[in-house]
Amino acid sequence: GENARIGANSFIIMHDVPANSTVVGTPARIVKLDGKRVDQEMS
């Protein structure tokens, strides 16, 4: 999605990254969404 940030070495397979989010990790997880810190799996 728009304005998303994908961290270095992130691994994403068949999961969508929401807009205005930051994802990191292997497999990647959402660590920030709409400016707030979170810890969520992607859809």
Full PDB file with SEQRES, HELIX, SHEET, SSBOND, CRYST1, ORIGX, SCALE, CONECT and MASTER records, all heavy atoms in Angstrom:
SEQRES   1 A   43  GLY GLU ASN ALA ARG ILE GLY ALA ASN SER PHE ILE ILE          
SEQRES   2 A   43  MET HIS ASP VAL PRO ALA ASN SER THR VAL VAL GLY THR          
SEQRES   3 A   43  PRO ALA ARG ILE VAL LYS LEU ASP GLY LYS ARG VAL ASP          
SEQRES   4 A   43  GLN GLU MET SER                                              
SHEET    1 AA1 4 ARG A   5  ILE A   6  0                                        
SHEET    2 AA1 4 SER A  21  VAL A  24  1                                        
SHEET    3 AA1 4 ARG A  29  LEU A  33 -1                                        
SHEET    4 AA1 4 LYS A  36  GLN A  40 -1                                        
CRYST1    1.000    1.000    1.000  90.00  90.00  90.00 P 1           1          
ORIGX1      1.000000  0.000000  0.000000        0.00000                         
ORIGX2      0.000000  1.000000  0.000000        0.00000                         
ORIGX3      0.000000  0.000000  1.000000        0.00000                         
SCALE1      1.000000  0.000000  0.000000        0.00000                         
SCALE2      0.000000  1.000000  0.000000        0.00000                         
SCALE3      0.000000  0.000000  1.000000        0.00000                         
ATOM      1  N   GLY A   1       0.794  -1.214   0.000  1.00  0.00           N  
ATOM      2  CA  GLY A   1       0.000   0.000   0.000  1.00  0.00           C  
ATOM      3  C   GLY A   1       0.834   1.274   0.000  1.00  0.00           C  
ATOM      4  O   GLY A   1       2.046   1.271   0.256  1.00  0.00           O  
ATOM      5  N   GLU A   2       0.167   2.386  -0.279  1.00  0.00           N  
ATOM      6  CA  GLU A   2       0.837   3.681  -0.351  1.00  0.00           C  
ATOM      7  C   GLU A   2       1.506   4.052   0.967  1.00  0.00           C  
ATOM      8  O   GLU A   2       1.005   3.730   2.050  1.00  0.00           O  
ATOM      9  CB  GLU A   2      -0.156   4.772  -0.754  1.00  0.00           C  
ATOM     10  CG  GLU A   2      -0.684   4.631  -2.171  1.00  0.00           C  
ATOM     11  CD  GLU A   2      -1.453   5.853  -2.624  1.00  0.00           C  
ATOM     12  OE1 GLU A   2      -1.651   6.777  -1.805  1.00  0.00           O  
ATOM     13  OE2 GLU A   2      -1.857   5.884  -3.801  1.00  0.00           O  
ATOM     14  N   ASN A   3       2.654   4.711   0.833  1.00  0.00           N  
ATOM     15  CA  ASN A   3       3.414   5.236   1.981  1.00  0.00           C  
ATOM     16  C   ASN A   3       3.953   4.141   2.901  1.00  0.00           C  
ATOM     17  O   ASN A   3       4.343   4.433   4.038  1.00  0.00           O  
ATOM     18  CB  ASN A   3       2.566   6.213   2.802  1.00  0.00           C  
ATOM     19  CG  ASN A   3       1.967   7.307   1.939  1.00  0.00           C  
ATOM     20  OD1 ASN A   3       2.660   7.964   1.175  1.00  0.00           O  
ATOM     21  ND2 ASN A   3       0.643   7.475   2.040  1.00  0.00           N  
ATOM     22  N   ALA A   4       3.984   2.914   2.420  1.00  0.00           N  
ATOM     23  CA  ALA A   4       4.524   1.821   3.233  1.00  0.00           C  
ATOM     24  C   ALA A   4       6.050   1.860   3.221  1.00  0.00           C  
ATOM     25  O   ALA A   4       6.668   2.378   2.288  1.00  0.00           O  
ATOM     26  CB  ALA A   4       4.030   0.475   2.713  1.00  0.00           C  
ATOM     27  N   ARG A   5       6.641   1.307   4.275  1.00  0.00           N  
ATOM     28  CA  ARG A   5       8.092   1.195   4.392  1.00  0.00           C  
ATOM     29  C   ARG A   5       8.432  -0.269   4.703  1.00  0.00           C  
ATOM     30  O   ARG A   5       7.913  -0.831   5.669  1.00  0.00           O  
ATOM     31  CB  ARG A   5       8.626   2.117   5.481  1.00  0.00           C  
ATOM     32  CG  ARG A   5       8.333   3.591   5.219  1.00  0.00           C  
ATOM     33  CD  ARG A   5       8.788   4.487   6.360  1.00  0.00           C  
ATOM     34  NE  ARG A   5      10.236   4.507   6.488  1.00  0.00           N  
ATOM     35  CZ  ARG A   5      11.037   5.321   5.797  1.00  0.00           C  
ATOM     36  NH1 ARG A   5      10.519   6.161   4.909  1.00  0.00           N  
ATOM     37  NH2 ARG A   5      12.350   5.299   5.987  1.00  0.00           N  
ATOM     38  N   ILE A   6       9.299  -0.841   3.867  1.00  0.00           N  
ATOM     39  CA  ILE A   6       9.696  -2.230   4.029  1.00  0.00           C  
ATOM     40  C   ILE A   6      11.158  -2.255   4.460  1.00  0.00           C  
ATOM     41  O   ILE A   6      12.044  -1.757   3.753  1.00  0.00           O  
ATOM     42  CB  ILE A   6       9.501  -3.019   2.719  1.00  0.00           C  
ATOM     43  CG1 ILE A   6       8.015  -3.006   2.326  1.00  0.00           C  
ATOM     44  CG2 ILE A   6      10.011  -4.447   2.869  1.00  0.00           C  
ATOM     45  CD1 ILE A   6       7.731  -3.651   0.996  1.00  0.00           C  
ATOM     46  N   GLY A   7      11.415  -2.810   5.636  1.00  0.00           N  
ATOM     47  CA  GLY A   7      12.759  -2.798   6.196  1.00  0.00           C  
ATOM     48  C   GLY A   7      13.733  -3.686   5.451  1.00  0.00           C  
ATOM     49  O   GLY A   7      13.346  -4.608   4.722  1.00  0.00           O  
ATOM     50  N   ALA A   8      15.020  -3.410   5.649  1.00  0.00           N  
ATOM     51  CA  ALA A   8      16.075  -4.206   5.029  1.00  0.00           C  
ATOM     52  C   ALA A   8      15.954  -5.675   5.439  1.00  0.00           C  
ATOM     53  O   ALA A   8      15.626  -6.001   6.574  1.00  0.00           O  
ATOM     54  CB  ALA A   8      17.441  -3.666   5.438  1.00  0.00           C  
ATOM     55  N   ASN A   9      16.196  -6.557   4.462  1.00  0.00           N  
ATOM     56  CA  ASN A   9      16.178  -8.013   4.664  1.00  0.00           C  
ATOM     57  C   ASN A   9      14.805  -8.571   5.014  1.00  0.00           C  
ATOM     58  O   ASN A   9      14.701  -9.718   5.466  1.00  0.00           O  
ATOM     59  CB  ASN A   9      17.192  -8.427   5.742  1.00  0.00           C  
ATOM     60  CG  ASN A   9      18.622  -8.183   5.311  1.00  0.00           C  
ATOM     61  OD1 ASN A   9      19.065  -8.715   4.289  1.00  0.00           O  
ATOM     62  ND2 ASN A   9      19.340  -7.373   6.062  1.00  0.00           N  
ATOM     63  N   SER A  10      13.753  -7.789   4.823  1.00  0.00           N  
ATOM     64  CA  SER A  10      12.400  -8.318   5.065  1.00  0.00           C  
ATOM     65  C   SER A  10      12.051  -9.357   4.004  1.00  0.00           C  
ATOM     66  O   SER A  10      12.465  -9.257   2.849  1.00  0.00           O  
ATOM     67  CB  SER A  10      11.373  -7.184   5.023  1.00  0.00           C  
ATOM     68  OG  SER A  10      11.598  -6.262   6.066  1.00  0.00           O  
ATOM     69  N   PHE A  11      11.284 -10.360   4.428  1.00  0.00           N  
ATOM     70  CA  PHE A  11      10.844 -11.405   3.503  1.00  0.00           C  
ATOM     71  C   PHE A  11       9.322 -11.458   3.515  1.00  0.00           C  
ATOM     72  O   PHE A  11       8.707 -11.683   4.567  1.00  0.00           O  
ATOM     73  CB  PHE A  11      11.413 -12.767   3.920  1.00  0.00           C  
ATOM     74  CG  PHE A  11      11.020 -13.886   2.994  1.00  0.00           C  
ATOM     75  CD1 PHE A  11      11.704 -14.092   1.811  1.00  0.00           C  
ATOM     76  CD2 PHE A  11       9.954 -14.723   3.305  1.00  0.00           C  
ATOM     77  CE1 PHE A  11      11.341 -15.126   0.947  1.00  0.00           C  
ATOM     78  CE2 PHE A  11       9.584 -15.750   2.454  1.00  0.00           C  
ATOM     79  CZ  PHE A  11      10.286 -15.951   1.268  1.00  0.00           C  
ATOM     80  N   ILE A  12       8.723 -11.242   2.342  1.00  0.00           N  
ATOM     81  CA  ILE A  12       7.262 -11.206   2.222  1.00  0.00           C  
ATOM     82  C   ILE A  12       6.856 -12.124   1.086  1.00  0.00           C  
ATOM     83  O   ILE A  12       7.299 -11.952  -0.054  1.00  0.00           O  
ATOM     84  CB  ILE A  12       6.763  -9.776   1.929  1.00  0.00           C  
ATOM     85  CG1 ILE A  12       7.262  -8.797   2.989  1.00  0.00           C  
ATOM     86  CG2 ILE A  12       5.237  -9.745   1.852  1.00  0.00           C  
ATOM     87  CD1 ILE A  12       7.031  -7.339   2.623  1.00  0.00           C  
ATOM     88  N   ILE A  13       6.004 -13.102   1.390  1.00  0.00           N  
ATOM     89  CA  ILE A  13       5.496 -13.987   0.347  1.00  0.00           C  
ATOM     90  C   ILE A  13       3.994 -14.145   0.543  1.00  0.00           C  
ATOM     91  O   ILE A  13       3.525 -14.573   1.602  1.00  0.00           O  
ATOM     92  CB  ILE A  13       6.221 -15.355   0.355  1.00  0.00           C  
ATOM     93  CG1 ILE A  13       5.632 -16.277  -0.714  1.00  0.00           C  
ATOM     94  CG2 ILE A  13       6.191 -16.010   1.732  1.00  0.00           C  
ATOM     95  CD1 ILE A  13       6.456 -17.542  -0.946  1.00  0.00           C  
ATOM     96  N   MET A  14       3.243 -13.760  -0.474  1.00  0.00           N  
ATOM     97  CA  MET A  14       1.786 -13.913  -0.525  1.00  0.00           C  
ATOM     98  C   MET A  14       1.074 -13.290   0.676  1.00  0.00           C  
ATOM     99  O   MET A  14       0.098 -13.835   1.194  1.00  0.00           O  
ATOM    100  CB  MET A  14       1.427 -15.393  -0.675  1.00  0.00           C  
ATOM    101  CG  MET A  14       1.863 -15.987  -2.002  1.00  0.00           C  
ATOM    102  SD  MET A  14       1.238 -15.046  -3.435  1.00  0.00           S  
ATOM    103  CE  MET A  14      -0.528 -15.302  -3.289  1.00  0.00           C  
ATOM    104  N   HIS A  15       1.581 -12.152   1.132  1.00  0.00           N  
ATOM    105  CA  HIS A  15       0.905 -11.353   2.153  1.00  0.00           C  
ATOM    106  C   HIS A  15       0.970  -9.884   1.741  1.00  0.00           C  
ATOM    107  O   HIS A  15       2.007  -9.423   1.239  1.00  0.00           O  
ATOM    108  CB  HIS A  15       1.557 -11.529   3.530  1.00  0.00           C  
ATOM    109  CG  HIS A  15       1.184 -12.802   4.212  1.00  0.00           C  
ATOM    110  ND1 HIS A  15       1.696 -14.026   3.827  1.00  0.00           N  
ATOM    111  CD2 HIS A  15       0.331 -13.051   5.258  1.00  0.00           C  
ATOM    112  CE1 HIS A  15       1.189 -14.973   4.606  1.00  0.00           C  
ATOM    113  NE2 HIS A  15       0.362 -14.409   5.480  1.00  0.00           N  
ATOM    114  N   ASP A  16      -0.119  -9.160   1.931  1.00  0.00           N  
ATOM    115  CA  ASP A  16      -0.189  -7.762   1.523  1.00  0.00           C  
ATOM    116  C   ASP A  16       0.305  -6.834   2.635  1.00  0.00           C  
ATOM    117  O   ASP A  16       0.064  -7.077   3.823  1.00  0.00           O  
ATOM    118  CB  ASP A  16      -1.618  -7.379   1.149  1.00  0.00           C  
ATOM    119  CG  ASP A  16      -2.091  -8.087  -0.125  1.00  0.00           C  
ATOM    120  OD1 ASP A  16      -1.224  -8.481  -0.932  1.00  0.00           O  
ATOM    121  OD2 ASP A  16      -3.315  -8.247  -0.291  1.00  0.00           O  
ATOM    122  N   VAL A  17       0.968  -5.764   2.209  1.00  0.00           N  
ATOM    123  CA  VAL A  17       1.459  -4.754   3.143  1.00  0.00           C  
ATOM    124  C   VAL A  17       0.474  -3.590   3.147  1.00  0.00           C  
ATOM    125  O   VAL A  17       0.240  -2.979   2.107  1.00  0.00           O  
ATOM    126  CB  VAL A  17       2.861  -4.253   2.732  1.00  0.00           C  
ATOM    127  CG1 VAL A  17       3.353  -3.180   3.690  1.00  0.00           C  
ATOM    128  CG2 VAL A  17       3.847  -5.420   2.653  1.00  0.00           C  
ATOM    129  N   PRO A  18      -0.140  -3.266   4.290  1.00  0.00           N  
ATOM    130  CA  PRO A  18      -1.135  -2.194   4.313  1.00  0.00           C  
ATOM    131  C   PRO A  18      -0.506  -0.821   4.087  1.00  0.00           C  
ATOM    132  O   PRO A  18       0.693  -0.617   4.334  1.00  0.00           O  
ATOM    133  CB  PRO A  18      -1.745  -2.301   5.709  1.00  0.00           C  
ATOM    134  CG  PRO A  18      -0.728  -3.009   6.524  1.00  0.00           C  
ATOM    135  CD  PRO A  18       0.025  -3.910   5.607  1.00  0.00           C  
ATOM    136  N   ALA A  19      -1.307   0.123   3.637  1.00  0.00           N  
ATOM    137  CA  ALA A  19      -0.852   1.497   3.452  1.00  0.00           C  
ATOM    138  C   ALA A  19      -0.441   2.102   4.799  1.00  0.00           C  
ATOM    139  O   ALA A  19      -0.936   1.695   5.853  1.00  0.00           O  
ATOM    140  CB  ALA A  19      -1.958   2.332   2.814  1.00  0.00           C  
ATOM    141  N   ASN A  20       0.493   3.041   4.736  1.00  0.00           N  
ATOM    142  CA  ASN A  20       0.937   3.790   5.923  1.00  0.00           C  
ATOM    143  C   ASN A  20       1.474   2.886   7.027  1.00  0.00           C  
ATOM    144  O   ASN A  20       1.223   3.109   8.210  1.00  0.00           O  
ATOM    145  CB  ASN A  20      -0.215   4.649   6.469  1.00  0.00           C  
ATOM    146  CG  ASN A  20      -0.814   5.550   5.408  1.00  0.00           C  
ATOM    147  OD1 ASN A  20      -0.092   6.302   4.759  1.00  0.00           O  
ATOM    148  ND2 ASN A  20      -2.122   5.441   5.214  1.00  0.00           N  
ATOM    149  N   SER A  21       2.182   1.837   6.615  1.00  0.00           N  
ATOM    150  CA  SER A  21       2.725   0.895   7.594  1.00  0.00           C  
ATOM    151  C   SER A  21       4.222   0.721   7.406  1.00  0.00           C  
ATOM    152  O   SER A  21       4.784   1.058   6.358  1.00  0.00           O  
ATOM    153  CB  SER A  21       2.033  -0.468   7.468  1.00  0.00           C  
ATOM    154  OG  SER A  21       2.396  -1.101   6.247  1.00  0.00           O  
ATOM    155  N   THR A  22       4.851   0.173   8.437  1.00  0.00           N  
ATOM    156  CA  THR A  22       6.250  -0.249   8.362  1.00  0.00           C  
ATOM    157  C   THR A  22       6.306  -1.728   8.695  1.00  0.00           C  
ATOM    158  O   THR A  22       5.728  -2.160   9.699  1.00  0.00           O  
ATOM    159  CB  THR A  22       7.127   0.534   9.358  1.00  0.00           C  
ATOM    160  OG1 THR A  22       7.070   1.936   9.038  1.00  0.00           O  
ATOM    161  CG2 THR A  22       8.565   0.070   9.298  1.00  0.00           C  
ATOM    162  N   VAL A  23       6.978  -2.504   7.840  1.00  0.00           N  
ATOM    163  CA  VAL A  23       7.094  -3.941   8.091  1.00  0.00           C  
ATOM    164  C   VAL A  23       8.571  -4.323   8.114  1.00  0.00           C  
ATOM    165  O   VAL A  23       9.381  -3.793   7.351  1.00  0.00           O  
ATOM    166  CB  VAL A  23       6.335  -4.778   7.043  1.00  0.00           C  
ATOM    167  CG1 VAL A  23       4.870  -4.388   7.018  1.00  0.00           C  
ATOM    168  CG2 VAL A  23       6.935  -4.617   5.657  1.00  0.00           C  
ATOM    169  N   VAL A  24       8.919  -5.249   8.999  1.00  0.00           N  
ATOM    170  CA  VAL A  24      10.297  -5.719   9.109  1.00  0.00           C  
ATOM    171  C   VAL A  24      10.286  -7.194   9.461  1.00  0.00           C  
ATOM    172  O   VAL A  24       9.306  -7.725   9.991  1.00  0.00           O  
ATOM    173  CB  VAL A  24      11.089  -4.939  10.194  1.00  0.00           C  
ATOM    174  CG1 VAL A  24      11.180  -3.459   9.857  1.00  0.00           C  
ATOM    175  CG2 VAL A  24      10.470  -5.131  11.562  1.00  0.00           C  
ATOM    176  N   GLY A  25      11.406  -7.865   9.191  1.00  0.00           N  
ATOM    177  CA  GLY A  25      11.571  -9.227   9.670  1.00  0.00           C  
ATOM    178  C   GLY A  25      11.440 -10.292   8.608  1.00  0.00           C  
ATOM    179  O   GLY A  25      11.080 -10.043   7.467  1.00  0.00           O  
ATOM    180  N   THR A  26      11.751 -11.535   9.043  1.00  0.00           N  
ATOM    181  CA  THR A  26      11.659 -12.711   8.182  1.00  0.00           C  
ATOM    182  C   THR A  26      10.952 -13.828   8.939  1.00  0.00           C  
ATOM    183  O   THR A  26      11.560 -14.433   9.826  1.00  0.00           O  
ATOM    184  CB  THR A  26      13.058 -13.190   7.767  1.00  0.00           C  
ATOM    185  OG1 THR A  26      13.747 -12.123   7.124  1.00  0.00           O  
ATOM    186  CG2 THR A  26      12.981 -14.367   6.819  1.00  0.00           C  
ATOM    187  N   PRO A  27       9.672 -14.083   8.662  1.00  0.00           N  
ATOM    188  CA  PRO A  27       8.818 -13.341   7.732  1.00  0.00           C  
ATOM    189  C   PRO A  27       8.456 -11.961   8.295  1.00  0.00           C  
ATOM    190  O   PRO A  27       8.469 -11.747   9.509  1.00  0.00           O  
ATOM    191  CB  PRO A  27       7.579 -14.241   7.610  1.00  0.00           C  
ATOM    192  CG  PRO A  27       7.512 -14.944   8.928  1.00  0.00           C  
ATOM    193  CD  PRO A  27       8.946 -15.186   9.322  1.00  0.00           C  
ATOM    194  N   ALA A  28       8.131 -11.035   7.411  1.00  0.00           N  
ATOM    195  CA  ALA A  28       7.884  -9.653   7.833  1.00  0.00           C  
ATOM    196  C   ALA A  28       6.598  -9.531   8.640  1.00  0.00           C  
ATOM    197  O   ALA A  28       5.613 -10.233   8.388  1.00  0.00           O  
ATOM    198  CB  ALA A  28       7.818  -8.746   6.610  1.00  0.00           C  
ATOM    199  N   ARG A  29       6.629  -8.637   9.636  1.00  0.00           N  
ATOM    200  CA  ARG A  29       5.473  -8.303  10.447  1.00  0.00           C  
ATOM    201  C   ARG A  29       5.296  -6.788  10.457  1.00  0.00           C  
ATOM    202  O   ARG A  29       6.255  -6.036  10.263  1.00  0.00           O  
ATOM    203  CB  ARG A  29       5.644  -8.805  11.889  1.00  0.00           C  
ATOM    204  CG  ARG A  29       5.675 -10.309  12.024  1.00  0.00           C  
ATOM    205  CD  ARG A  29       5.894 -10.730  13.470  1.00  0.00           C  
ATOM    206  NE  ARG A  29       4.802 -10.290  14.336  1.00  0.00           N  
ATOM    207  CZ  ARG A  29       3.680 -10.991  14.542  1.00  0.00           C  
ATOM    208  NH1 ARG A  29       3.506 -12.151  13.940  1.00  0.00           N  
ATOM    209  NH2 ARG A  29       2.751 -10.534  15.366  1.00  0.00           N  
ATOM    210  N   ILE A  30       4.088  -6.351  10.715  1.00  0.00           N  
ATOM    211  CA  ILE A  30       3.805  -4.923  10.804  1.00  0.00           C  
ATOM    212  C   ILE A  30       4.249  -4.426  12.175  1.00  0.00           C  
ATOM    213  O   ILE A  30       3.791  -4.936  13.204  1.00  0.00           O  
ATOM    214  CB  ILE A  30       2.300  -4.644  10.605  1.00  0.00           C  
ATOM    215  CG1 ILE A  30       1.808  -5.242   9.285  1.00  0.00           C  
ATOM    216  CG2 ILE A  30       2.017  -3.147  10.651  1.00  0.00           C  
ATOM    217  CD1 ILE A  30       0.298  -5.256   9.153  1.00  0.00           C  
ATOM    218  N   VAL A  31       5.140  -3.425  12.182  1.00  0.00           N  
ATOM    219  CA  VAL A  31       5.606  -2.872  13.456  1.00  0.00           C  
ATOM    220  C   VAL A  31       5.116  -1.428  13.665  1.00  0.00           C  
ATOM    221  O   VAL A  31       5.238  -0.887  14.766  1.00  0.00           O  
ATOM    222  CB  VAL A  31       7.138  -2.918  13.559  1.00  0.00           C  
ATOM    223  CG1 VAL A  31       7.622  -4.361  13.563  1.00  0.00           C  
ATOM    224  CG2 VAL A  31       7.797  -2.131  12.430  1.00  0.00           C  
ATOM    225  N   LYS A  32       4.595  -0.826  12.615  1.00  0.00           N  
ATOM    226  CA  LYS A  32       4.005   0.507  12.747  1.00  0.00           C  
ATOM    227  C   LYS A  32       2.875   0.638  11.740  1.00  0.00           C  
ATOM    228  O   LYS A  32       3.016   0.234  10.585  1.00  0.00           O  
ATOM    229  CB  LYS A  32       5.043   1.604  12.519  1.00  0.00           C  
ATOM    230  CG  LYS A  32       4.513   3.021  12.730  1.00  0.00           C  
ATOM    231  CD  LYS A  32       5.585   4.077  12.556  1.00  0.00           C  
ATOM    232  CE  LYS A  32       6.534   4.087  13.737  1.00  0.00           C  
ATOM    233  NZ  LYS A  32       7.487   5.247  13.658  1.00  0.00           N  
ATOM    234  N   LEU A  33       1.748   1.193  12.185  1.00  0.00           N  
ATOM    235  CA  LEU A  33       0.586   1.348  11.322  1.00  0.00           C  
ATOM    236  C   LEU A  33      -0.094   2.672  11.641  1.00  0.00           C  
ATOM    237  O   LEU A  33      -0.460   2.916  12.802  1.00  0.00           O  
ATOM    238  CB  LEU A  33      -0.394   0.188  11.516  1.00  0.00           C  
ATOM    239  CG  LEU A  33      -1.634   0.160  10.628  1.00  0.00           C  
ATOM    240  CD1 LEU A  33      -1.255   0.050   9.153  1.00  0.00           C  
ATOM    241  CD2 LEU A  33      -2.555  -0.992  11.017  1.00  0.00           C  
ATOM    242  N   ASP A  34      -0.219   3.532  10.624  1.00  0.00           N  
ATOM    243  CA  ASP A  34      -0.826   4.859  10.798  1.00  0.00           C  
ATOM    244  C   ASP A  34      -0.165   5.637  11.937  1.00  0.00           C  
ATOM    245  O   ASP A  34      -0.837   6.300  12.736  1.00  0.00           O  
ATOM    246  CB  ASP A  34      -2.328   4.735  11.049  1.00  0.00           C  
ATOM    247  CG  ASP A  34      -3.070   4.168   9.851  1.00  0.00           C  
ATOM    248  OD1 ASP A  34      -2.678   4.475   8.714  1.00  0.00           O  
ATOM    249  OD2 ASP A  34      -4.036   3.403  10.055  1.00  0.00           O  
ATOM    250  N   GLY A  35       1.158   5.519  12.014  1.00  0.00           N  
ATOM    251  CA  GLY A  35       1.915   6.287  12.990  1.00  0.00           C  
ATOM    252  C   GLY A  35       1.979   5.693  14.379  1.00  0.00           C  
ATOM    253  O   GLY A  35       2.624   6.256  15.268  1.00  0.00           O  
ATOM    254  N   LYS A  36       1.343   4.556  14.615  1.00  0.00           N  
ATOM    255  CA  LYS A  36       1.332   3.933  15.938  1.00  0.00           C  
ATOM    256  C   LYS A  36       2.101   2.612  15.906  1.00  0.00           C  
ATOM    257  O   LYS A  36       1.985   1.843  14.950  1.00  0.00           O  
ATOM    258  CB  LYS A  36      -0.106   3.681  16.386  1.00  0.00           C  
ATOM    259  CG  LYS A  36      -0.942   4.946  16.525  1.00  0.00           C  
ATOM    260  CD  LYS A  36      -2.354   4.607  16.952  1.00  0.00           C  
ATOM    261  CE  LYS A  36      -3.204   5.875  17.090  1.00  0.00           C  
ATOM    262  NZ  LYS A  36      -4.607   5.561  17.487  1.00  0.00           N  
ATOM    263  N   ARG A  37       2.851   2.338  16.966  1.00  0.00           N  
ATOM    264  CA  ARG A  37       3.599   1.089  17.064  1.00  0.00           C  
ATOM    265  C   ARG A  37       2.647  -0.082  17.318  1.00  0.00           C  
ATOM    266  O   ARG A  37       1.799  -0.018  18.205  1.00  0.00           O  
ATOM    267  CB  ARG A  37       4.639   1.167  18.176  1.00  0.00           C  
ATOM    268  CG  ARG A  37       5.773   2.153  17.869  1.00  0.00           C  
ATOM    269  CD  ARG A  37       6.908   2.034  18.846  1.00  0.00           C  
ATOM    270  NE  ARG A  37       8.001   2.917  18.508  1.00  0.00           N  
ATOM    271  CZ  ARG A  37       8.950   2.646  17.609  1.00  0.00           C  
ATOM    272  NH1 ARG A  37       8.915   1.479  16.966  1.00  0.00           N  
ATOM    273  NH2 ARG A  37       9.921   3.499  17.357  1.00  0.00           N  
ATOM    274  N   VAL A  38       2.843  -1.124  16.555  1.00  0.00           N  
ATOM    275  CA  VAL A  38       2.002  -2.314  16.682  1.00  0.00           C  
ATOM    276  C   VAL A  38       2.887  -3.551  16.493  1.00  0.00           C  
ATOM    277  O   VAL A  38       4.076  -3.436  16.202  1.00  0.00           O  
ATOM    278  CB  VAL A  38       0.865  -2.328  15.633  1.00  0.00           C  
ATOM    279  CG1 VAL A  38      -0.074  -1.155  15.826  1.00  0.00           C  
ATOM    280  CG2 VAL A  38       1.446  -2.320  14.218  1.00  0.00           C  
ATOM    281  N   ASP A  39       2.301  -4.710  16.641  1.00  0.00           N  
ATOM    282  CA  ASP A  39       2.967  -5.972  16.335  1.00  0.00           C  
ATOM    283  C   ASP A  39       1.914  -6.898  15.755  1.00  0.00           C  
ATOM    284  O   ASP A  39       1.236  -7.627  16.487  1.00  0.00           O  
ATOM    285  CB  ASP A  39       3.606  -6.577  17.589  1.00  0.00           C  
ATOM    286  CG  ASP A  39       4.362  -7.865  17.279  1.00  0.00           C  
ATOM    287  OD1 ASP A  39       4.605  -8.134  16.088  1.00  0.00           O  
ATOM    288  OD2 ASP A  39       4.691  -8.607  18.230  1.00  0.00           O  
ATOM    289  N   GLN A  40       1.769  -6.833  14.424  1.00  0.00           N  
ATOM    290  CA  GLN A  40       0.676  -7.548  13.762  1.00  0.00           C  
ATOM    291  C   GLN A  40       1.206  -8.361  12.586  1.00  0.00           C  
ATOM    292  O   GLN A  40       2.210  -8.011  11.965  1.00  0.00           O  
ATOM    293  CB  GLN A  40      -0.372  -6.558  13.234  1.00  0.00           C  
ATOM    294  CG  GLN A  40      -1.058  -5.717  14.288  1.00  0.00           C  
ATOM    295  CD  GLN A  40      -2.051  -4.751  13.672  1.00  0.00           C  
ATOM    296  OE1 GLN A  40      -2.325  -4.805  12.468  1.00  0.00           O  
ATOM    297  NE2 GLN A  40      -2.598  -3.868  14.474  1.00  0.00           N  
ATOM    298  N   GLU A  41       0.486  -9.441  12.299  1.00  0.00           N  
ATOM    299  CA  GLU A  41       0.743 -10.181  11.081  1.00  0.00           C  
ATOM    300  C   GLU A  41       0.050  -9.484   9.909  1.00  0.00           C  
ATOM    301  O   GLU A  41      -0.947  -8.789  10.087  1.00  0.00           O  
ATOM    302  CB  GLU A  41       0.222 -11.609  11.199  1.00  0.00           C  
ATOM    303  CG  GLU A  41       0.949 -12.455  12.222  1.00  0.00           C  
ATOM    304  CD  GLU A  41       0.447 -13.887  12.230  1.00  0.00           C  
ATOM    305  OE1 GLU A  41      -0.562 -14.170  11.544  1.00  0.00           O  
ATOM    306  OE2 GLU A  41       1.063 -14.713  12.925  1.00  0.00           O  
ATOM    307  N   MET A  42       0.582  -9.674   8.726  1.00  0.00           N  
ATOM    308  CA  MET A  42      -0.046  -9.132   7.531  1.00  0.00           C  
ATOM    309  C   MET A  42      -1.131 -10.078   7.025  1.00  0.00           C  
ATOM    310  O   MET A  42      -1.106 -11.275   7.309  1.00  0.00           O  
ATOM    311  CB  MET A  42       1.000  -8.900   6.443  1.00  0.00           C  
ATOM    312  CG  MET A  42       2.012  -7.825   6.796  1.00  0.00           C  
ATOM    313  SD  MET A  42       3.235  -7.577   5.488  1.00  0.00           S  
ATOM    314  CE  MET A  42       4.125  -9.131   5.568  1.00  0.00           C  
ATOM    315  N   SER A  43      -2.066  -9.529   6.280  1.00  0.00           N  
ATOM    316  CA  SER A  43      -3.163 -10.337   5.733  1.00  0.00           C  
ATOM    317  C   SER A  43      -2.694 -11.104   4.506  1.00  0.00           C  
ATOM    318  O   SER A  43      -1.965 -10.560   3.663  1.00  0.00           O  
ATOM    319  CB  SER A  43      -4.343  -9.440   5.351  1.00  0.00           C  
ATOM    320  OG  SER A  43      -4.822  -8.738   6.473  1.00  0.00           O  
TER     321      SER A  43                                                      
MASTER        0    0    0    0    4    0    0    6  320    1    0    4          
END                                                                             
